[in-house]
Every structure is written in structure tokens, then in C-alpha cells.
């Protein structure tokens, strides 16, 4: 975890397709880029920032997100997100996240991820199946 520090950034990009519209997600009745899709893009940017630095057998999981969706994006536009590490407290990593379409900033907020041991995590998940 010593390699994860404030200032690290990650990015993700997507084309706005029909499966990313609010009408598809059930999050609205307007055919624009869905808020849940924007959140997923922001999470992907955070993952890109830190997961490649984690040792084998570790990954990160999202634990909280607080974002504002500032502007609508139409079908066939492109969107991008950036996440910057702003704090590291043990295995808890906090990010500033932002998203843009081809015209303007469409989202902003914070996101936290927790670094996990994959084997232990999956054992706990598996116990819920019993």
C-alpha cells in the first residue's frame, strides 16, 4: 500500500450507447446518459488509478460514493472520467472524481475504495451462500 499515495490518477472513457441511457437503467424516462453509468465510469477511473499497483491477491472494492450529476449527455456522445487519490488511511483510499462529455463537465464528487485480500473476501461472500 505504500505505493498508493495522494496525487495518483486514473481515467476511463466510454461512448454513450443505448445501454447506458437512463431509460435502459430504469433511472429516468429521458434518453440521456444515466447517472448509474456515470458512477460506474468514475469507479472504473478509481480502479485504474490503484488496482495495477496492488500485489497479487489484492483488489479494491467500492465502499462509498457521493456525486452530483451536473449536465445531461445525449446518445452517441463520448464521456470520460478521472479519479485522483486525495487521501489514504490504511487500506481506505479516497478519490476526487470528475466526469466530462465532449462539451462540458457533467459530474463531480468523492469516492472511497477499500483494499481487500481476495481469498478472505471471497470466503466471507461464499459463507453467505450456505
Protein backbone atom coordinates (compact mmCIF):
# COMPACT_ATOMS: atom_id res chain seq x y z
CA UNK A 1 0.00 0.00 0.00
CA UNK A 2 2.97 2.33 0.33
CA UNK A 3 2.85 2.90 -3.44
CA UNK A 4 -0.70 4.31 -3.21
CA UNK A 5 -0.48 7.96 -2.29
CA UNK A 6 -2.30 11.24 -2.91
CA UNK A 7 -1.88 12.56 -6.42
CA UNK A 8 -2.24 9.23 -8.25
CA UNK A 9 -4.79 9.42 -11.05
CA UNK A 10 -6.72 7.07 -13.27
CA UNK A 11 -9.08 7.59 -16.19
CA UNK A 12 -11.83 5.78 -18.05
CA UNK A 13 -13.75 6.52 -21.25
CA UNK A 14 -16.98 5.36 -22.90
CA UNK A 15 -19.22 6.02 -25.84
CA UNK A 16 -22.81 6.78 -24.84
CA UNK A 17 -24.76 3.87 -26.27
CA UNK A 18 -28.38 2.87 -25.75
CA UNK A 19 -27.45 0.51 -22.90
CA UNK A 20 -26.01 3.49 -20.96
CA UNK A 21 -29.16 5.64 -21.15
CA UNK A 22 -31.36 6.41 -18.17
CA UNK A 23 -34.28 4.70 -19.90
CA UNK A 24 -32.28 1.45 -20.09
CA UNK A 25 -31.14 1.60 -16.45
CA UNK A 26 -34.62 2.46 -15.22
CA UNK A 27 -33.20 5.57 -13.59
CA UNK A 28 -35.28 8.02 -15.63
CA UNK A 29 -37.61 8.50 -18.56
CA UNK A 30 -35.27 10.67 -20.66
CA UNK A 31 -32.86 9.22 -23.22
CA UNK A 32 -29.66 10.70 -21.81
CA UNK A 33 -26.55 9.23 -20.18
CA UNK A 34 -27.63 7.59 -16.92
CA UNK A 35 -26.34 8.63 -13.52
CA UNK A 36 -25.58 4.98 -12.60
CA UNK A 37 -23.48 4.71 -15.77
CA UNK A 38 -21.56 7.87 -14.83
CA UNK A 39 -20.92 6.45 -11.37
CA UNK A 40 -19.62 3.20 -12.87
CA UNK A 41 -17.30 5.21 -15.14
CA UNK A 42 -15.98 7.12 -12.12
CA UNK A 43 -15.41 3.85 -10.25
CA UNK A 44 -13.55 2.45 -13.26
CA UNK A 45 -11.26 5.50 -13.20
CA UNK A 46 -10.54 4.92 -9.50
CA UNK A 47 -9.79 1.25 -10.14
CA UNK A 48 -7.43 2.26 -12.95
CA UNK A 49 -5.57 4.55 -10.54
CA UNK A 50 -4.77 1.98 -7.84
CA UNK A 51 -5.52 -1.64 -8.72
CA UNK A 52 -2.50 -2.04 -11.04
CA UNK A 53 -0.30 -1.11 -8.05
CA UNK A 54 -1.74 -3.76 -5.72
CA UNK A 55 0.11 -7.02 -5.13
CA UNK A 56 -1.27 -10.29 -6.48
CA UNK A 57 -4.17 -11.48 -4.37
CA UNK A 58 -5.44 -7.99 -3.58
CA UNK A 59 -8.07 -5.78 -5.21
CA UNK A 60 -10.17 -2.79 -4.24
CA UNK A 61 -13.91 -2.60 -3.65
CA UNK A 62 -16.09 0.49 -3.61
CA UNK A 63 -17.46 1.47 -0.21
CA UNK A 64 -18.99 4.92 -0.74
CA UNK A 65 -19.72 7.46 -3.44
CA UNK A 66 -21.14 10.96 -3.23
CA UNK A 67 -21.53 12.62 -6.62
CA UNK A 68 -23.52 15.27 -8.40
CA UNK A 69 -24.68 14.71 -11.98
CA UNK A 70 -24.37 18.24 -13.35
CA UNK A 71 -25.36 18.05 -17.02
CA UNK A 72 -27.12 15.76 -19.47
CA UNK A 73 -25.25 13.91 -22.22
CA UNK A 74 -27.01 12.67 -25.37
CA UNK A 75 -26.80 9.32 -27.11
CA UNK A 76 -23.70 8.92 -29.32
CA UNK A 77 -21.58 11.43 -27.39
CA UNK A 78 -18.45 10.33 -25.52
CA UNK A 79 -17.76 10.57 -21.79
CA UNK A 80 -14.60 10.35 -19.72
CA UNK A 81 -13.91 10.23 -16.02
CA UNK A 82 -10.88 10.94 -13.90
CA UNK A 83 -10.19 9.89 -10.33
CA UNK A 84 -7.42 11.35 -8.17
CA UNK A 85 -6.33 9.88 -4.86
CA UNK A 86 -6.80 12.58 -2.22
CA UNK A 87 -6.34 10.54 0.96
CA UNK A 88 -5.03 7.15 2.12
CA UNK A 89 -5.89 5.87 5.60
CA UNK A 90 -4.62 2.33 5.98
CA UNK A 91 -6.50 0.30 3.38
CA UNK A 92 -9.14 3.01 2.77
CA UNK A 93 -8.46 5.18 -0.29
CA UNK A 94 -10.46 8.36 -1.04
CA UNK A 95 -10.72 9.88 -4.51
CA UNK A 96 -11.90 13.13 -6.04
CA UNK A 97 -13.86 12.08 -9.14
CA UNK A 98 -15.00 14.09 -12.15
CA UNK A 99 -16.64 13.30 -15.49
CA UNK A 100 -16.97 15.19 -18.78
CA UNK A 101 -18.73 14.74 -22.08
CA UNK A 102 -17.45 16.31 -25.31
CA UNK A 103 -18.87 19.70 -24.27
CA UNK A 104 -18.61 20.19 -20.50
CA UNK A 105 -18.09 18.75 -17.04
CA UNK A 106 -21.05 16.50 -16.26
CA UNK A 107 -20.23 15.16 -12.80
CA UNK A 108 -18.13 15.62 -9.68
CA UNK A 109 -17.77 14.17 -6.22
CA UNK A 110 -15.87 11.78 -3.99
CA UNK A 111 -15.48 8.02 -3.93
CA UNK A 112 -13.86 5.64 -1.44
CA UNK A 113 -12.46 2.19 -2.04
CA UNK A 114 -11.14 -0.40 0.40
CA UNK A 115 -8.18 -2.64 -0.44
CA UNK A 116 -9.07 -6.30 0.21
CA UNK A 117 -7.41 -9.69 0.29
CA UNK A 118 -9.30 -11.57 -2.44
CA UNK A 119 -9.22 -15.02 -0.81
CA UNK A 120 -10.53 -13.79 2.56
CA UNK A 121 -13.15 -11.60 0.88
CA UNK A 122 -14.46 -14.44 -1.29
CA UNK A 123 -14.55 -16.81 1.69
CA UNK A 124 -16.83 -14.35 3.50
CA UNK A 125 -19.01 -13.97 0.41
CA UNK A 126 -19.16 -17.74 0.00
CA UNK A 127 -20.30 -18.16 3.61
CA UNK A 128 -23.43 -16.18 2.71
CA UNK A 129 -24.38 -18.85 0.18
CA UNK A 130 -24.52 -21.59 2.81
